[in-house]
Protein backbone atom coordinates (compact mmCIF):
# COMPACT_ATOMS: atom_id res chain seq x y z
CA UNK A 1 19.56 11.63 -45.02
CA UNK A 2 18.19 14.60 -46.78
CA UNK A 3 18.31 17.99 -45.18
CA UNK A 4 14.50 18.39 -44.74
CA UNK A 5 14.31 15.04 -42.91
CA UNK A 6 17.10 16.07 -40.54
CA UNK A 7 15.37 19.38 -39.79
CA UNK A 8 12.04 17.65 -39.17
CA UNK A 9 13.69 15.13 -36.82
CA UNK A 10 15.43 17.93 -34.92
CA UNK A 11 12.18 19.86 -34.69
CA UNK A 12 10.30 16.82 -33.36
CA UNK A 13 13.04 16.14 -30.80
CA UNK A 14 12.88 19.75 -29.66
CA UNK A 15 9.10 19.51 -29.25
CA UNK A 16 9.45 16.28 -27.23
CA UNK A 17 12.10 17.78 -24.96
CA UNK A 18 10.07 20.95 -24.36
CA UNK A 19 6.92 18.93 -23.61
CA UNK A 20 8.82 16.75 -21.13
CA UNK A 21 10.35 19.79 -19.44
CA UNK A 22 6.98 21.50 -19.12
CA UNK A 23 5.54 18.40 -17.45
CA UNK A 24 8.48 18.01 -15.10
CA UNK A 25 8.76 21.66 -14.13
CA UNK A 26 5.06 22.44 -13.78
CA UNK A 27 4.16 23.54 -10.24
CA UNK A 28 2.20 21.02 -8.23
CA UNK A 29 -0.65 22.26 -6.16
CA UNK A 30 -1.98 20.27 -3.23
CA UNK A 31 -4.58 22.89 -2.45
CA UNK A 32 -8.21 22.20 -3.33
CA UNK A 33 -9.24 23.84 -6.53
CA UNK A 34 -12.65 24.46 -8.11
CA UNK A 35 -11.18 23.22 -11.39
CA UNK A 36 -10.78 19.58 -10.35
CA UNK A 37 -12.57 16.77 -12.10
CA UNK A 38 -15.69 15.39 -10.50
CA UNK A 39 -14.00 12.00 -10.59
CA UNK A 40 -10.93 13.15 -8.66
CA UNK A 41 -12.63 12.50 -5.32
CA UNK A 42 -14.07 9.17 -6.40
CA UNK A 43 -12.20 6.32 -4.79
CA UNK A 44 -12.77 2.85 -3.48
CA UNK A 45 -13.89 2.77 0.13
CA UNK A 46 -11.23 1.88 2.61
CA UNK A 47 -11.56 -1.46 4.32
CA UNK A 48 -10.24 -2.25 7.73
CA UNK A 49 -8.49 -5.52 8.32
CA UNK A 50 -9.55 -7.68 11.18
CA UNK A 51 -7.24 -7.43 14.14
CA UNK A 52 -4.67 -10.16 14.35
CA UNK A 53 -2.91 -10.77 17.64
CA UNK A 54 -0.10 -12.78 15.95
CA UNK A 55 -0.10 -15.31 18.79
CA UNK A 56 0.03 -19.08 18.95
CA UNK A 57 -0.42 -21.70 21.64
CA UNK A 58 2.43 -22.45 24.00
CA UNK A 59 3.08 -23.71 27.52
CA UNK A 60 4.35 -21.93 30.61
CA UNK A 61 6.76 -23.39 33.21
CA UNK A 62 3.95 -25.19 35.01
CA UNK A 63 2.72 -26.80 31.76
CA UNK A 64 -0.42 -24.71 31.39
CA UNK A 65 -1.55 -23.62 27.92
CA UNK A 66 -0.87 -19.96 27.23
CA UNK A 67 -0.77 -17.66 24.23
CA UNK A 68 2.70 -16.63 23.10
CA UNK A 69 3.79 -14.13 20.43
CA UNK A 70 4.50 -15.69 17.05
CA UNK A 71 5.44 -14.60 13.55
CA UNK A 72 2.47 -16.36 12.00
CA UNK A 73 -0.90 -14.70 11.36
CA UNK A 74 -2.89 -16.65 13.94
CA UNK A 75 -4.99 -15.76 16.98
CA UNK A 76 -4.68 -17.83 20.11
CA UNK A 77 -7.35 -18.36 22.75
CA UNK A 78 -6.44 -20.19 25.93
CA UNK A 79 -9.03 -21.03 28.52
CA UNK A 80 -8.60 -19.65 32.03
CA UNK A 81 -7.78 -23.00 33.61
CA UNK A 82 -4.87 -23.52 31.21
CA UNK A 83 -6.00 -26.97 30.12
CA UNK A 84 -6.61 -26.18 26.47
CA UNK A 85 -5.74 -23.67 23.80
CA UNK A 86 -7.19 -23.07 20.33
CA UNK A 87 -5.82 -21.16 17.34
CA UNK A 88 -7.61 -19.52 14.45
CA UNK A 89 -6.16 -18.00 11.30
CA UNK A 90 -6.34 -14.25 10.85
């Protein structure tokens, strides 16, 4: 390679390294500043998930239907008499 090309490549590499260092070493400020963009506070609204009890239908020792913990995303609803149980997906 010719000497001018080598010097230009070295110069460009030096500029890239200095730019990367300035970005990495710049102080981060978490304090509010009047110099923020108007769009910096714009965000999607948060949504709350429906509550999921993570329960399914099961039976107790007497054979009545009860709700038992499960690893599946379902909600269990057993009637008070223990004759029936229904499940819905979360």
